[in-house]
Amino acid sequence: MRTTIRSLAVLFPFIASTFPISADAQWVYPPPYPAYAYVGESSLRINVKPPEASVYVDGYFAGKVQEFDGKLQRLHVLPGQHQLVVYLAGYRSLKQQLYLGPNVTRTIEGTLEKLGAGDEQEPEPKPIAPPRVEPPPDENFPPPQSPQRGPMSRRPTAPEEPPQPPPPPRASDEEPSRFAALAIRVQPGGATIRIDGQQWDGPSGDDRLIIQVGEGHHTIQVERNGYEPYSTEVDVRRGETTPVTVTLRRR
């Protein structure tokens, strides 16, 4: 019996290599970065409807929303800046530019909006390719110079410097999002938040509730037992995240 198990363990890599993996199956998060480590990683809780929507991090497929919306379910990512996209065919995608510090947990909430008649479906996210930078020329081997005749020929001039690659586009040059977002922080936590009449569960601790909304005027109401209710109105612009901080008073 032990000999059979050992034989299968030796043959398994050769058997697995005969079944190729498609290119789409390889585009999963995390990408094959050689320096990837699980030390000080960040995590995201995705509470977005519908739950069958797909979650992409930097263009890589991470899983379905229903895999990251539970109390003990999290999407673990590397600390730093990331592009989060929640995609579902027939709906407008939810896009967020995030910067996550080490050992930080953030909650992303929202509801995807169905496409109307004549609306164009956005393409499925793809991995973001880093800009290609050409290596500088080798100074020990300059390009050959054309020969010059005559005893008074000049010494060959130094080769011209190669053109530098264009700088990467700035964040302000990118096309802004068609939607806006509200980042709501409530003290103390555990309150009930209503945005234009739609109810949301408030964040706990120092977390912020990030809700994708349309551009324009919105009404925010915050309630919690034992505290005075709070109400405010805000105007938001598309492509921007408007922070809202609320401190409730005891009755």
C-alpha atoms as a PDB file:
ATOM      1  CA  MET A   1       0.000   0.000   0.000  1.00  0.00           C
ATOM      2  CA  ARG A   2       2.781   2.460   0.901  1.00  0.00           C
ATOM      3  CA  THR A   3       4.626   1.591  -2.309  1.00  0.00           C
ATOM      4  CA  THR A   4       1.505   2.376  -4.364  1.00  0.00           C
ATOM      5  CA  ILE A   5       1.038   5.795  -2.697  1.00  0.00           C
ATOM      6  CA  ARG A   6       4.666   6.712  -3.268  1.00  0.00           C
ATOM      7  CA  SER A   7       4.410   5.708  -6.921  1.00  0.00           C
ATOM      8  CA  LEU A   8       1.330   7.901  -7.427  1.00  0.00           C
ATOM      9  CA  ALA A   9       3.053  10.848  -5.718  1.00  0.00           C
ATOM     10  CA  VAL A  10       6.007  10.542  -8.111  1.00  0.00           C
ATOM     11  CA  LEU A  11       3.831  10.205 -11.231  1.00  0.00           C
ATOM     12  CA  PHE A  12       1.345  12.994 -10.327  1.00  0.00           C
ATOM     13  CA  PRO A  13       3.429  15.959 -11.689  1.00  0.00           C
ATOM     14  CA  PHE A  14       3.867  14.166 -15.035  1.00  0.00           C
ATOM     15  CA  ILE A  15       0.158  13.341 -15.259  1.00  0.00           C
ATOM     16  CA  ALA A  16      -0.863  16.940 -14.366  1.00  0.00           C
ATOM     17  CA  SER A  17       1.483  18.389 -17.021  1.00  0.00           C
ATOM     18  CA  THR A  18      -0.468  16.615 -19.775  1.00  0.00           C
ATOM     19  CA  PHE A  19      -3.579  18.728 -19.057  1.00  0.00           C
ATOM     20  CA  PRO A  20      -2.877  22.329 -20.254  1.00  0.00           C
ATOM     21  CA  ILE A  21      -4.451  25.269 -18.447  1.00  0.00           C
ATOM     22  CA  SER A  22      -6.170  27.940 -20.515  1.00  0.00           C
ATOM     23  CA  ALA A  23      -4.927  31.545 -20.477  1.00  0.00           C
ATOM     24  CA  ASP A  24      -8.137  32.757 -18.824  1.00  0.00           C
ATOM     25  CA  ALA A  25      -7.685  30.311 -15.946  1.00  0.00           C
ATOM     26  CA  GLN A  26      -4.231  31.739 -15.250  1.00  0.00           C
ATOM     27  CA  TRP A  27      -5.544  35.295 -14.795  1.00  0.00           C
ATOM     28  CA  VAL A  28      -6.469  34.802 -11.166  1.00  0.00           C
ATOM     29  CA  TYR A  29      -5.506  36.882  -8.149  1.00  0.00           C
ATOM     30  CA  PRO A  30      -2.855  37.017  -6.818  1.00  0.00           C
ATOM     31  CA  PRO A  31      -0.800  37.197 -10.032  1.00  0.00           C
ATOM     32  CA  PRO A  32       2.478  35.240 -10.122  1.00  0.00           C
ATOM     33  CA  TYR A  33       4.599  37.919  -8.515  1.00  0.00           C
ATOM     34  CA  PRO A  34       7.889  36.379  -7.297  1.00  0.00           C
ATOM     35  CA  ALA A  35       7.945  38.592  -4.188  1.00  0.00           C
ATOM     36  CA  TYR A  36       4.411  37.770  -3.037  1.00  0.00           C
ATOM     37  CA  ALA A  37       4.233  37.084   0.706  1.00  0.00           C
ATOM     38  CA  TYR A  38       1.464  36.709   3.254  1.00  0.00           C
ATOM     39  CA  VAL A  39       3.097  38.967   5.852  1.00  0.00           C
ATOM     40  CA  GLY A  40       1.154  42.112   6.782  1.00  0.00           C
ATOM     41  CA  GLU A  41      -1.440  41.562   4.064  1.00  0.00           C
ATOM     42  CA  SER A  42      -4.673  43.561   3.826  1.00  0.00           C
ATOM     43  CA  SER A  43      -8.199  42.212   3.457  1.00  0.00           C
ATOM     44  CA  LEU A  44     -11.470  43.307   1.862  1.00  0.00           C
ATOM     45  CA  ARG A  45     -15.051  42.397   2.694  1.00  0.00           C
ATOM     46  CA  ILE A  46     -17.160  42.700  -0.460  1.00  0.00           C
ATOM     47  CA  ASN A  47     -20.834  43.287   0.342  1.00  0.00           C
ATOM     48  CA  VAL A  48     -22.191  44.090  -3.124  1.00  0.00           C
ATOM     49  CA  LYS A  49     -25.408  42.993  -4.774  1.00  0.00           C
ATOM     50  CA  PRO A  50     -25.985  40.807  -6.795  1.00  0.00           C
ATOM     51  CA  PRO A  51     -23.827  38.235  -4.945  1.00  0.00           C
ATOM     52  CA  GLU A  52     -23.050  36.297  -8.145  1.00  0.00           C
ATOM     53  CA  ALA A  53     -21.021  39.209  -9.569  1.00  0.00           C
ATOM     54  CA  SER A  54     -17.310  38.644 -10.203  1.00  0.00           C
ATOM     55  CA  VAL A  55     -14.550  40.468  -8.283  1.00  0.00           C
ATOM     56  CA  TYR A  56     -11.371  41.573 -10.066  1.00  0.00           C
ATOM     57  CA  VAL A  57      -8.232  43.021  -8.427  1.00  0.00           C
ATOM     58  CA  ASP A  58      -5.911  44.853 -10.862  1.00  0.00           C
ATOM     59  CA  GLY A  59      -7.631  42.987 -13.687  1.00  0.00           C
ATOM     60  CA  TYR A  60      -7.150  39.533 -12.134  1.00  0.00           C
ATOM     61  CA  PHE A  61     -10.185  37.411 -11.251  1.00  0.00           C
ATOM     62  CA  ALA A  62     -10.363  36.894  -7.471  1.00  0.00           C
ATOM     63  CA  GLY A  63     -13.746  35.122  -7.120  1.00  0.00           C
ATOM     64  CA  LYS A  64     -17.454  35.808  -6.695  1.00  0.00           C
ATOM     65  CA  VAL A  65     -18.931  38.383  -4.301  1.00  0.00           C
ATOM     66  CA  GLN A  66     -20.618  35.617  -2.300  1.00  0.00           C
ATOM     67  CA  GLU A  67     -17.168  34.267  -1.408  1.00  0.00           C
ATOM     68  CA  PHE A  68     -16.186  37.504   0.377  1.00  0.00           C
ATOM     69  CA  ASP A  69     -19.440  38.852   1.932  1.00  0.00           C
ATOM     70  CA  GLY A  70     -19.666  36.771   5.119  1.00  0.00           C
ATOM     71  CA  LYS A  71     -18.559  37.650   8.629  1.00  0.00           C
ATOM     72  CA  LEU A  72     -15.566  35.310   8.380  1.00  0.00           C
ATOM     73  CA  GLN A  73     -14.970  35.682   4.624  1.00  0.00           C
ATOM     74  CA  ARG A  74     -12.334  38.092   3.354  1.00  0.00           C
ATOM     75  CA  LEU A  75     -10.421  38.816   0.147  1.00  0.00           C
ATOM     76  CA  HIS A  76      -6.730  38.970   1.062  1.00  0.00           C
ATOM     77  CA  VAL A  77      -4.600  41.376  -1.001  1.00  0.00           C
ATOM     78  CA  LEU A  78      -1.131  42.854  -0.860  1.00  0.00           C
ATOM     79  CA  PRO A  79      -0.784  46.261   0.850  1.00  0.00           C
ATOM     80  CA  GLY A  80      -0.600  49.179  -1.578  1.00  0.00           C
ATOM     81  CA  GLN A  81      -2.678  50.699  -4.368  1.00  0.00           C
ATOM     82  CA  HIS A  82      -5.189  48.487  -6.196  1.00  0.00           C
ATOM     83  CA  GLN A  83      -8.015  48.782  -8.708  1.00  0.00           C
ATOM     84  CA  LEU A  84     -11.123  46.874  -7.574  1.00  0.00           C
ATOM     85  CA  VAL A  85     -13.829  46.066 -10.133  1.00  0.00           C
ATOM     86  CA  VAL A  86     -17.092  44.202  -9.460  1.00  0.00           C
ATOM     87  CA  TYR A  87     -18.358  42.983 -12.854  1.00  0.00           C
ATOM     88  CA  LEU A  88     -21.541  41.245 -14.010  1.00  0.00           C
ATOM     89  CA  ALA A  89     -22.882  41.024 -17.545  1.00  0.00           C
ATOM     90  CA  GLY A  90     -25.978  43.207 -17.956  1.00  0.00           C
ATOM     91  CA  TYR A  91     -24.960  45.592 -15.132  1.00  0.00           C
ATOM     92  CA  ARG A  92     -22.750  48.649 -14.727  1.00  0.00           C
ATOM     93  CA  SER A  93     -19.461  47.756 -13.080  1.00  0.00           C
ATOM     94  CA  LEU A  94     -18.509  49.081  -9.637  1.00  0.00           C
ATOM     95  CA  LYS A  95     -14.965  50.477  -9.726  1.00  0.00           C
ATOM     96  CA  GLN A  96     -12.854  51.632  -6.788  1.00  0.00           C
ATOM     97  CA  GLN A  97      -9.263  52.871  -6.585  1.00  0.00           C
ATOM     98  CA  LEU A  98      -8.004  51.711  -3.187  1.00  0.00           C
ATOM     99  CA  TYR A  99      -4.870  52.263  -1.156  1.00  0.00           C
ATOM    100  CA  LEU A 100      -4.556  49.680   1.617  1.00  0.00           C
ATOM    101  CA  GLY A 101      -2.062  49.704   4.448  1.00  0.00           C
ATOM    102  CA  PRO A 102      -0.698  46.539   6.082  1.00  0.00           C
ATOM    103  CA  ASN A 103      -3.087  44.576   8.350  1.00  0.00           C
ATOM    104  CA  VAL A 104      -6.102  46.711   7.321  1.00  0.00           C
ATOM    105  CA  THR A 105      -9.633  45.403   6.693  1.00  0.00           C
ATOM    106  CA  ARG A 106     -12.004  47.500   4.571  1.00  0.00           C
ATOM    107  CA  THR A 107     -15.656  46.928   3.667  1.00  0.00           C
ATOM    108  CA  ILE A 108     -16.889  47.671   0.144  1.00  0.00           C
ATOM    109  CA  GLU A 109     -20.670  47.936  -0.226  1.00  0.00           C
ATOM    110  CA  GLY A 110     -22.930  48.840  -3.092  1.00  0.00           C
ATOM    111  CA  THR A 111     -25.506  47.654  -5.606  1.00  0.00           C
ATOM    112  CA  LEU A 112     -24.812  47.192  -9.299  1.00  0.00           C
ATOM    113  CA  GLU A 113     -27.162  49.116 -11.579  1.00  0.00           C
ATOM    114  CA  LYS A 114     -28.790  47.279 -14.489  1.00  0.00           C
ATOM    115  CA  LEU A 115     -28.025  48.515 -17.978  1.00  0.00           C
ATOM    116  CA  GLY A 116     -30.813  50.340 -19.730  1.00  0.00           C
ATOM    117  CA  ALA A 117     -31.954  50.006 -23.316  1.00  0.00           C
ATOM    118  CA  GLY A 118     -29.157  51.087 -25.653  1.00  0.00           C
ATOM    119  CA  ASP A 119     -26.459  51.120 -22.935  1.00  0.00           C
ATOM    120  CA  GLU A 120     -23.191  49.530 -23.996  1.00  0.00           C
ATOM    121  CA  GLN A 121     -21.804  46.634 -21.959  1.00  0.00           C
ATOM    122  CA  GLU A 122     -18.392  47.332 -20.478  1.00  0.00           C
ATOM    123  CA  PRO A 123     -15.643  44.839 -21.403  1.00  0.00           C
ATOM    124  CA  GLU A 124     -14.585  42.251 -18.853  1.00  0.00           C
ATOM    125  CA  PRO A 125     -11.526  43.421 -16.854  1.00  0.00           C
ATOM    126  CA  LYS A 126      -8.127  42.236 -18.016  1.00  0.00           C
ATOM    127  CA  PRO A 127      -4.757  42.196 -16.200  1.00  0.00           C
ATOM    128  CA  ILE A 128      -3.045  45.561 -16.104  1.00  0.00           C
ATOM    129  CA  ALA A 129       0.267  45.267 -18.003  1.00  0.00           C
ATOM    130  CA  PRO A 130       3.140  47.347 -16.571  1.00  0.00           C
ATOM    131  CA  PRO A 131       4.704  49.880 -18.978  1.00  0.00           C
ATOM    132  CA  ARG A 132       7.642  48.512 -20.932  1.00  0.00           C
ATOM    133  CA  VAL A 133      10.890  50.418 -20.469  1.00  0.00           C
ATOM    134  CA  GLU A 134      13.671  49.809 -22.962  1.00  0.00           C
ATOM    135  CA  PRO A 135      17.116  49.185 -21.380  1.00  0.00           C
ATOM    136  CA  PRO A 136      19.738  51.902 -21.932  1.00  0.00           C
ATOM    137  CA  PRO A 137      22.446  51.198 -24.534  1.00  0.00           C
ATOM    138  CA  ASP A 138      25.728  49.666 -23.462  1.00  0.00           C
ATOM    139  CA  GLU A 139      28.284  52.447 -23.113  1.00  0.00           C
ATOM    140  CA  ASN A 140      31.147  50.000 -23.709  1.00  0.00           C
ATOM    141  CA  PHE A 141      29.855  49.270 -27.221  1.00  0.00           C
ATOM    142  CA  PRO A 142      28.789  52.550 -28.902  1.00  0.00           C
ATOM    143  CA  PRO A 143      27.214  52.366 -32.373  1.00  0.00           C
ATOM    144  CA  PRO A 144      29.765  52.287 -35.208  1.00  0.00           C
ATOM    145  CA  GLN A 145      30.712  55.576 -36.844  1.00  0.00           C
ATOM    146  CA  SER A 146      31.024  56.053 -40.585  1.00  0.00           C
ATOM    147  CA  PRO A 147      34.690  56.037 -41.651  1.00  0.00           C
ATOM    148  CA  GLN A 148      36.280  59.366 -42.601  1.00  0.00           C
ATOM    149  CA  ARG A 149      39.117  59.675 -45.122  1.00  0.00           C
ATOM    150  CA  GLY A 150      42.133  61.925 -45.151  1.00  0.00           C
ATOM    151  CA  PRO A 151      44.952  62.617 -42.688  1.00  0.00           C
ATOM    152  CA  MET A 152      43.080  65.558 -41.105  1.00  0.00           C
ATOM    153  CA  SER A 153      39.918  63.586 -40.309  1.00  0.00           C
ATOM    154  CA  ARG A 154      38.238  64.471 -37.062  1.00  0.00           C
ATOM    155  CA  ARG A 155      37.877  62.169 -34.132  1.00  0.00           C
ATOM    156  CA  PRO A 156      34.501  60.379 -34.057  1.00  0.00           C
ATOM    157  CA  THR A 157      31.923  62.264 -32.034  1.00  0.00           C
ATOM    158  CA  ALA A 158      30.183  60.713 -29.076  1.00  0.00           C
ATOM    159  CA  PRO A 159      26.944  58.883 -29.887  1.00  0.00           C
ATOM    160  CA  GLU A 160      23.724  60.747 -29.310  1.00  0.00           C
ATOM    161  CA  GLU A 161      21.680  59.838 -26.269  1.00  0.00           C
ATOM    162  CA  PRO A 162      18.704  57.582 -27.045  1.00  0.00           C
ATOM    163  CA  PRO A 163      15.249  59.131 -26.711  1.00  0.00           C
ATOM    164  CA  GLN A 164      13.751  58.691 -23.253  1.00  0.00           C
ATOM    165  CA  PRO A 165      10.442  56.813 -22.898  1.00  0.00           C
ATOM    166  CA  PRO A 166       7.412  59.058 -22.291  1.00  0.00           C
ATOM    167  CA  PRO A 167       6.385  59.483 -18.637  1.00  0.00           C
ATOM    168  CA  PRO A 168       3.445  57.391 -17.401  1.00  0.00           C
ATOM    169  CA  PRO A 169       0.040  59.125 -17.546  1.00  0.00           C
ATOM    170  CA  ARG A 170      -0.977  61.026 -14.450  1.00  0.00           C
ATOM    171  CA  ALA A 171      -4.052  60.090 -12.484  1.00  0.00           C
ATOM    172  CA  SER A 172      -5.696  63.341 -13.563  1.00  0.00           C
ATOM    173  CA  ASP A 173      -5.339  62.329 -17.252  1.00  0.00           C
ATOM    174  CA  GLU A 174      -7.385  59.178 -16.806  1.00  0.00           C
ATOM    175  CA  GLU A 175     -11.053  59.160 -17.744  1.00  0.00           C
ATOM    176  CA  PRO A 176     -13.137  59.836 -14.611  1.00  0.00           C
ATOM    177  CA  SER A 177     -15.720  57.332 -13.443  1.00  0.00           C
ATOM    178  CA  ARG A 178     -19.343  57.839 -14.436  1.00  0.00           C
ATOM    179  CA  PHE A 179     -20.404  57.539 -10.792  1.00  0.00           C
ATOM    180  CA  ALA A 180     -19.525  59.072  -7.443  1.00  0.00           C
ATOM    181  CA  ALA A 181     -19.016  57.490  -4.031  1.00  0.00           C
ATOM    182  CA  LEU A 182     -19.797  58.301  -0.393  1.00  0.00           C
ATOM    183  CA  ALA A 183     -17.326  57.285   2.346  1.00  0.00           C
ATOM    184  CA  ILE A 184     -19.351  57.413   5.591  1.00  0.00           C
ATOM    185  CA  ARG A 185     -17.794  57.059   9.044  1.00  0.00           C
ATOM    186  CA  VAL A 186     -20.017  56.955  12.151  1.00  0.00           C
ATOM    187  CA  GLN A 187     -19.064  57.169  15.839  1.00  0.00           C
ATOM    188  CA  PRO A 188     -20.070  55.109  17.690  1.00  0.00           C
ATOM    189  CA  GLY A 189     -20.364  52.203  15.246  1.00  0.00           C
ATOM    190  CA  GLY A 190     -23.287  49.872  14.709  1.00  0.00           C
ATOM    191  CA  ALA A 191     -25.695  52.576  13.540  1.00  0.00           C
ATOM    192  CA  THR A 192     -28.280  52.306  10.761  1.00  0.00           C
ATOM    193  CA  ILE A 193     -27.605  54.459   7.696  1.00  0.00           C
ATOM    194  CA  ARG A 194     -30.170  55.464   5.068  1.00  0.00           C
ATOM    195  CA  ILE A 195     -29.089  57.014   1.785  1.00  0.00           C
ATOM    196  CA  ASP A 196     -32.045  58.418  -0.144  1.00  0.00           C
ATOM    197  CA  GLY A 197     -34.291  56.071   1.853  1.00  0.00           C
ATOM    198  CA  GLN A 198     -32.246  52.905   1.203  1.00  0.00           C
ATOM    199  CA  GLN A 199     -31.031  51.272   4.424  1.00  0.00           C
ATOM    200  CA  TRP A 200     -27.432  50.143   5.041  1.00  0.00           C
ATOM    201  CA  ASP A 201     -25.721  48.617   8.059  1.00  0.00           C
ATOM    202  CA  GLY A 202     -23.206  51.085   9.426  1.00  0.00           C
ATOM    203  CA  PRO A 203     -19.506  50.178   9.800  1.00  0.00           C
ATOM    204  CA  SER A 204     -17.907  49.226  13.100  1.00  0.00           C
ATOM    205  CA  GLY A 205     -14.848  50.822  14.668  1.00  0.00           C
ATOM    206  CA  ASP A 206     -12.880  53.112  12.357  1.00  0.00           C
ATOM    207  CA  ASP A 207     -14.080  51.453   9.149  1.00  0.00           C
ATOM    208  CA  ARG A 208     -15.842  53.498   6.493  1.00  0.00           C
ATOM    209  CA  LEU A 209     -18.950  52.514   4.569  1.00  0.00           C
ATOM    210  CA  ILE A 210     -18.253  53.170   0.855  1.00  0.00           C
ATOM    211  CA  ILE A 211     -21.393  53.400  -1.290  1.00  0.00           C
ATOM    212  CA  GLN A 212     -21.448  54.063  -5.031  1.00  0.00           C
ATOM    213  CA  VAL A 213     -24.094  56.663  -5.944  1.00  0.00           C
ATOM    214  CA  GLY A 214     -25.045  58.762  -8.915  1.00  0.00           C
ATOM    215  CA  GLU A 215     -23.901  62.329  -9.389  1.00  0.00           C
ATOM    216  CA  GLY A 216     -26.072  64.978  -7.753  1.00  0.00           C
ATOM    217  CA  HIS A 217     -27.961  65.610  -4.504  1.00  0.00           C
ATOM    218  CA  HIS A 218     -28.364  62.909  -1.800  1.00  0.00           C
ATOM    219  CA  THR A 219     -29.877  62.696   1.699  1.00  0.00           C
ATOM    220  CA  ILE A 220     -28.101  60.802   4.495  1.00  0.00           C
ATOM    221  CA  GLN A 221     -29.870  59.731   7.747  1.00  0.00           C
ATOM    222  CA  VAL A 222     -28.139  57.994  10.671  1.00  0.00           C
ATOM    223  CA  GLU A 223     -29.980  56.367  13.616  1.00  0.00           C
ATOM    224  CA  ARG A 224     -29.031  54.302  16.661  1.00  0.00           C
ATOM    225  CA  ASN A 225     -30.892  53.377  19.821  1.00  0.00           C
ATOM    226  CA  GLY A 226     -30.075  55.721  22.697  1.00  0.00           C
ATOM    227  CA  TYR A 227     -28.764  58.475  20.412  1.00  0.00           C
ATOM    228  CA  GLU A 228     -30.292  61.467  18.682  1.00  0.00           C
ATOM    229  CA  PRO A 229     -30.951  60.876  14.959  1.00  0.00           C
ATOM    230  CA  TYR A 230     -28.758  62.715  12.471  1.00  0.00           C
ATOM    231  CA  SER A 231     -29.627  63.933   8.965  1.00  0.00           C
ATOM    232  CA  THR A 232     -27.656  65.816   6.332  1.00  0.00           C
ATOM    233  CA  GLU A 233     -27.672  66.519   2.592  1.00  0.00           C
ATOM    234  CA  VAL A 234     -24.650  66.396   0.286  1.00  0.00           C
ATOM    235  CA  ASP A 235     -23.905  67.126  -3.364  1.00  0.00           C
ATOM    236  CA  VAL A 236     -21.448  64.775  -5.064  1.00  0.00           C
ATOM    237  CA  ARG A 237     -19.649  64.906  -8.385  1.00  0.00           C
ATOM    238  CA  ARG A 238     -18.903  61.933 -10.585  1.00  0.00           C
ATOM    239  CA  GLY A 239     -15.456  60.396 -10.320  1.00  0.00           C
ATOM    240  CA  GLU A 240     -15.018  61.723  -6.746  1.00  0.00           C
ATOM    241  CA  THR A 241     -15.371  60.163  -3.291  1.00  0.00           C
ATOM    242  CA  THR A 242     -17.037  62.471  -0.750  1.00  0.00           C
ATOM    243  CA  PRO A 243     -16.149  61.740   2.914  1.00  0.00           C
ATOM    244  CA  VAL A 244     -18.912  62.097   5.545  1.00  0.00           C
ATOM    245  CA  THR A 245     -18.059  61.856   9.267  1.00  0.00           C
ATOM    246  CA  VAL A 246     -20.905  61.622  11.810  1.00  0.00           C
ATOM    247  CA  THR A 247     -20.643  61.734  15.609  1.00  0.00           C
ATOM    248  CA  LEU A 248     -23.940  60.839  17.328  1.00  0.00           C
ATOM    249  CA  ARG A 249     -25.028  62.450  20.625  1.00  0.00           C
ATOM    250  CA  ARG A 250     -26.664  60.563  23.466  1.00  0.00           C
ATOM    251  CA  ARG A 251     -30.229  61.439  24.352  1.00  0.00           C
END
